[in-house]
C-alpha atoms as a PDB file:
ATOM      1  CA  UNK A   1     -26.577   5.981  -2.352  1.00  0.00           C
ATOM      2  CA  UNK A   2     -25.654   4.995  -5.915  1.00  0.00           C
ATOM      3  CA  UNK A   3     -25.120   1.378  -6.822  1.00  0.00           C
ATOM      4  CA  UNK A   4     -21.479   2.027  -7.722  1.00  0.00           C
ATOM      5  CA  UNK A   5     -20.796   3.456  -4.255  1.00  0.00           C
ATOM      6  CA  UNK A   6     -22.578   0.463  -2.660  1.00  0.00           C
ATOM      7  CA  UNK A   7     -20.362  -1.923  -4.610  1.00  0.00           C
ATOM      8  CA  UNK A   8     -17.240   0.005  -3.506  1.00  0.00           C
ATOM      9  CA  UNK A   9     -18.431  -0.115   0.084  1.00  0.00           C
ATOM     10  CA  UNK A  10     -19.122  -3.842  -0.083  1.00  0.00           C
ATOM     11  CA  UNK A  11     -15.568  -4.446  -1.376  1.00  0.00           C
ATOM     12  CA  UNK A  12     -14.083  -2.188   1.294  1.00  0.00           C
ATOM     13  CA  UNK A  13     -15.990  -3.966   4.042  1.00  0.00           C
ATOM     14  CA  UNK A  14     -14.870  -7.329   2.695  1.00  0.00           C
ATOM     15  CA  UNK A  15     -11.241  -6.178   2.581  1.00  0.00           C
ATOM     16  CA  UNK A  16     -11.505  -4.612   6.042  1.00  0.00           C
ATOM     17  CA  UNK A  17     -12.801  -7.864   7.435  1.00  0.00           C
ATOM     18  CA  UNK A  18      -9.977  -9.713   5.748  1.00  0.00           C
ATOM     19  CA  UNK A  19      -7.451  -7.251   7.302  1.00  0.00           C
ATOM     20  CA  UNK A  20      -9.001  -7.386  10.740  1.00  0.00           C
ATOM     21  CA  UNK A  21      -8.949 -11.200  10.668  1.00  0.00           C
ATOM     22  CA  UNK A  22      -5.299 -11.116   9.660  1.00  0.00           C
ATOM     23  CA  UNK A  23      -4.548  -8.757  12.583  1.00  0.00           C
ATOM     24  CA  UNK A  24      -6.458 -10.858  15.062  1.00  0.00           C
ATOM     25  CA  UNK A  25      -4.490 -13.996  14.002  1.00  0.00           C
ATOM     26  CA  UNK A  26      -1.264 -12.030  14.139  1.00  0.00           C
ATOM     27  CA  UNK A  27      -2.016 -10.927  17.748  1.00  0.00           C
ATOM     28  CA  UNK A  28      -2.207 -14.639  18.712  1.00  0.00           C
ATOM     29  CA  UNK A  29       1.197 -15.495  17.264  1.00  0.00           C
ATOM     30  CA  UNK A  30       4.707 -15.278  18.634  1.00  0.00           C
ATOM     31  CA  UNK A  31       6.697 -12.099  18.874  1.00  0.00           C
ATOM     32  CA  UNK A  32       9.041 -13.445  16.153  1.00  0.00           C
ATOM     33  CA  UNK A  33       6.151 -14.066  13.823  1.00  0.00           C
ATOM     34  CA  UNK A  34       4.744 -10.625  14.481  1.00  0.00           C
ATOM     35  CA  UNK A  35       8.083  -9.004  13.704  1.00  0.00           C
ATOM     36  CA  UNK A  36       8.518 -11.127  10.547  1.00  0.00           C
ATOM     37  CA  UNK A  37       5.004 -10.084   9.433  1.00  0.00           C
ATOM     38  CA  UNK A  38       5.542  -6.362   9.812  1.00  0.00           C
ATOM     39  CA  UNK A  39       6.040  -5.816   6.068  1.00  0.00           C
ATOM     40  CA  UNK A  40       2.875  -7.772   5.165  1.00  0.00           C
ATOM     41  CA  UNK A  41       0.855  -5.900   7.779  1.00  0.00           C
ATOM     42  CA  UNK A  42       2.043  -2.504   6.502  1.00  0.00           C
ATOM     43  CA  UNK A  43       1.475  -3.325   2.838  1.00  0.00           C
ATOM     44  CA  UNK A  44      -1.976  -4.755   3.456  1.00  0.00           C
ATOM     45  CA  UNK A  45      -2.916  -1.638   5.380  1.00  0.00           C
ATOM     46  CA  UNK A  46      -1.692   0.535   2.488  1.00  0.00           C
ATOM     47  CA  UNK A  47      -3.578  -1.559  -0.050  1.00  0.00           C
ATOM     48  CA  UNK A  48      -6.749  -1.343   2.056  1.00  0.00           C
ATOM     49  CA  UNK A  49      -6.443   2.443   2.145  1.00  0.00           C
ATOM     50  CA  UNK A  50      -6.462   2.502  -1.675  1.00  0.00           C
ATOM     51  CA  UNK A  51     -10.002   1.124  -1.600  1.00  0.00           C
ATOM     52  CA  UNK A  52     -11.788   3.573   0.688  1.00  0.00           C
ATOM     53  CA  UNK A  53     -15.153   3.898  -1.055  1.00  0.00           C
ATOM     54  CA  UNK A  54     -14.720   7.654  -1.650  1.00  0.00           C
ATOM     55  CA  UNK A  55     -11.445   6.980  -3.459  1.00  0.00           C
ATOM     56  CA  UNK A  56     -12.582   6.314  -6.981  1.00  0.00           C
ATOM     57  CA  UNK A  57      -9.242   5.699  -8.682  1.00  0.00           C
ATOM     58  CA  UNK A  58     -10.322   2.243  -9.860  1.00  0.00           C
ATOM     59  CA  UNK A  59     -13.200   1.862 -12.258  1.00  0.00           C
ATOM     60  CA  UNK A  60     -16.262  -0.021 -11.115  1.00  0.00           C
ATOM     61  CA  UNK A  61     -15.645  -2.942 -13.500  1.00  0.00           C
ATOM     62  CA  UNK A  62     -12.344  -3.637 -11.721  1.00  0.00           C
ATOM     63  CA  UNK A  63     -13.972  -3.241  -8.342  1.00  0.00           C
ATOM     64  CA  UNK A  64     -16.622  -5.791  -9.296  1.00  0.00           C
ATOM     65  CA  UNK A  65     -14.023  -8.218 -10.556  1.00  0.00           C
ATOM     66  CA  UNK A  66     -11.914  -7.919  -7.375  1.00  0.00           C
ATOM     67  CA  UNK A  67     -15.024  -8.404  -5.282  1.00  0.00           C
ATOM     68  CA  UNK A  68     -15.432 -11.881  -6.738  1.00  0.00           C
ATOM     69  CA  UNK A  69     -12.437 -13.095  -4.746  1.00  0.00           C
ATOM     70  CA  UNK A  70     -13.057 -14.479  -1.305  1.00  0.00           C
ATOM     71  CA  UNK A  71     -10.060 -12.586   0.084  1.00  0.00           C
ATOM     72  CA  UNK A  72      -9.398  -9.671  -2.200  1.00  0.00           C
ATOM     73  CA  UNK A  73      -6.926  -8.004   0.113  1.00  0.00           C
ATOM     74  CA  UNK A  74      -4.783 -11.190   0.270  1.00  0.00           C
ATOM     75  CA  UNK A  75      -5.007 -11.486  -3.520  1.00  0.00           C
ATOM     76  CA  UNK A  76      -3.693  -7.961  -4.047  1.00  0.00           C
ATOM     77  CA  UNK A  77      -0.955  -8.393  -1.410  1.00  0.00           C
ATOM     78  CA  UNK A  78       0.289 -11.638  -2.973  1.00  0.00           C
ATOM     79  CA  UNK A  79       0.368 -10.020  -6.437  1.00  0.00           C
ATOM     80  CA  UNK A  80       2.247  -7.017  -5.068  1.00  0.00           C
ATOM     81  CA  UNK A  81       4.735  -9.264  -3.270  1.00  0.00           C
ATOM     82  CA  UNK A  82       5.596 -11.205  -6.376  1.00  0.00           C
ATOM     83  CA  UNK A  83       5.673  -8.150  -8.668  1.00  0.00           C
ATOM     84  CA  UNK A  84       8.894  -7.191 -10.338  1.00  0.00           C
ATOM     85  CA  UNK A  85       8.928  -3.634  -9.003  1.00  0.00           C
ATOM     86  CA  UNK A  86       8.788  -4.333  -5.316  1.00  0.00           C
ATOM     87  CA  UNK A  87       9.282  -1.626  -2.768  1.00  0.00           C
ATOM     88  CA  UNK A  88      13.051  -1.626  -3.102  1.00  0.00           C
ATOM     89  CA  UNK A  89      12.874   0.052  -6.497  1.00  0.00           C
ATOM     90  CA  UNK A  90      10.666   2.752  -5.014  1.00  0.00           C
ATOM     91  CA  UNK A  91      13.141   3.215  -2.115  1.00  0.00           C
ATOM     92  CA  UNK A  92      16.084   3.398  -4.526  1.00  0.00           C
ATOM     93  CA  UNK A  93      14.269   6.042  -6.620  1.00  0.00           C
ATOM     94  CA  UNK A  94      13.373   8.062  -3.576  1.00  0.00           C
ATOM     95  CA  UNK A  95      16.859   7.908  -2.136  1.00  0.00           C
ATOM     96  CA  UNK A  96      18.424   8.770  -5.484  1.00  0.00           C
ATOM     97  CA  UNK A  97      16.163  11.817  -5.839  1.00  0.00           C
ATOM     98  CA  UNK A  98      16.819  12.943  -2.279  1.00  0.00           C
ATOM     99  CA  UNK A  99      20.575  12.626  -2.684  1.00  0.00           C
ATOM    100  CA  UNK A 100      20.439  14.574  -5.924  1.00  0.00           C
ATOM    101  CA  UNK A 101      18.489  17.347  -4.179  1.00  0.00           C
ATOM    102  CA  UNK A 102      21.022  17.400  -1.292  1.00  0.00           C
ATOM    103  CA  UNK A 103      23.946  17.719  -3.752  1.00  0.00           C
ATOM    104  CA  UNK A 104      22.133  20.502  -5.575  1.00  0.00           C
ATOM    105  CA  UNK A 105      21.394  22.364  -2.317  1.00  0.00           C
ATOM    106  CA  UNK A 106      24.996  22.103  -1.201  1.00  0.00           C
ATOM    107  CA  UNK A 107      26.310  23.402  -4.565  1.00  0.00           C
ATOM    108  CA  UNK A 108      23.899  26.330  -4.367  1.00  0.00           C
ATOM    109  CA  UNK A 109      25.006  27.156  -0.803  1.00  0.00           C
ATOM    110  CA  UNK A 110      28.660  26.930  -1.813  1.00  0.00           C
ATOM    111  CA  UNK A 111      28.007  29.102  -4.834  1.00  0.00           C
ATOM    112  CA  UNK A 112      26.171  31.722  -2.736  1.00  0.00           C
ATOM    113  CA  UNK A 113      29.015  31.827  -0.156  1.00  0.00           C
ATOM    114  CA  UNK A 114      31.589  32.420  -2.922  1.00  0.00           C
ATOM    115  CA  UNK A 115      29.754  35.544  -4.041  1.00  0.00           C
END
């Protein structure tokens, strides 16, 4: 195994342990806390999936830098949470695109019926 792959695996294991610890603590908390933490759980899971060792989207220098953090998954989640874009912008874009497609489809159906 190449040293780059080993570094990626080390980071993934560290992040997986961070995620698993978060889940174990969540399981011990109240139902209200679990429900209030659903967004964080989902986002951390999505972030973790971005770092599967076979997924080489991020260069090794960035992987090494992230691996210097004790809790890299938590670091990435906190940065995502405070980012300007947030998930709402992504939802709005997706909804807008879907609505535009629906309007286009309906216009095409209406046009084809008029023929």
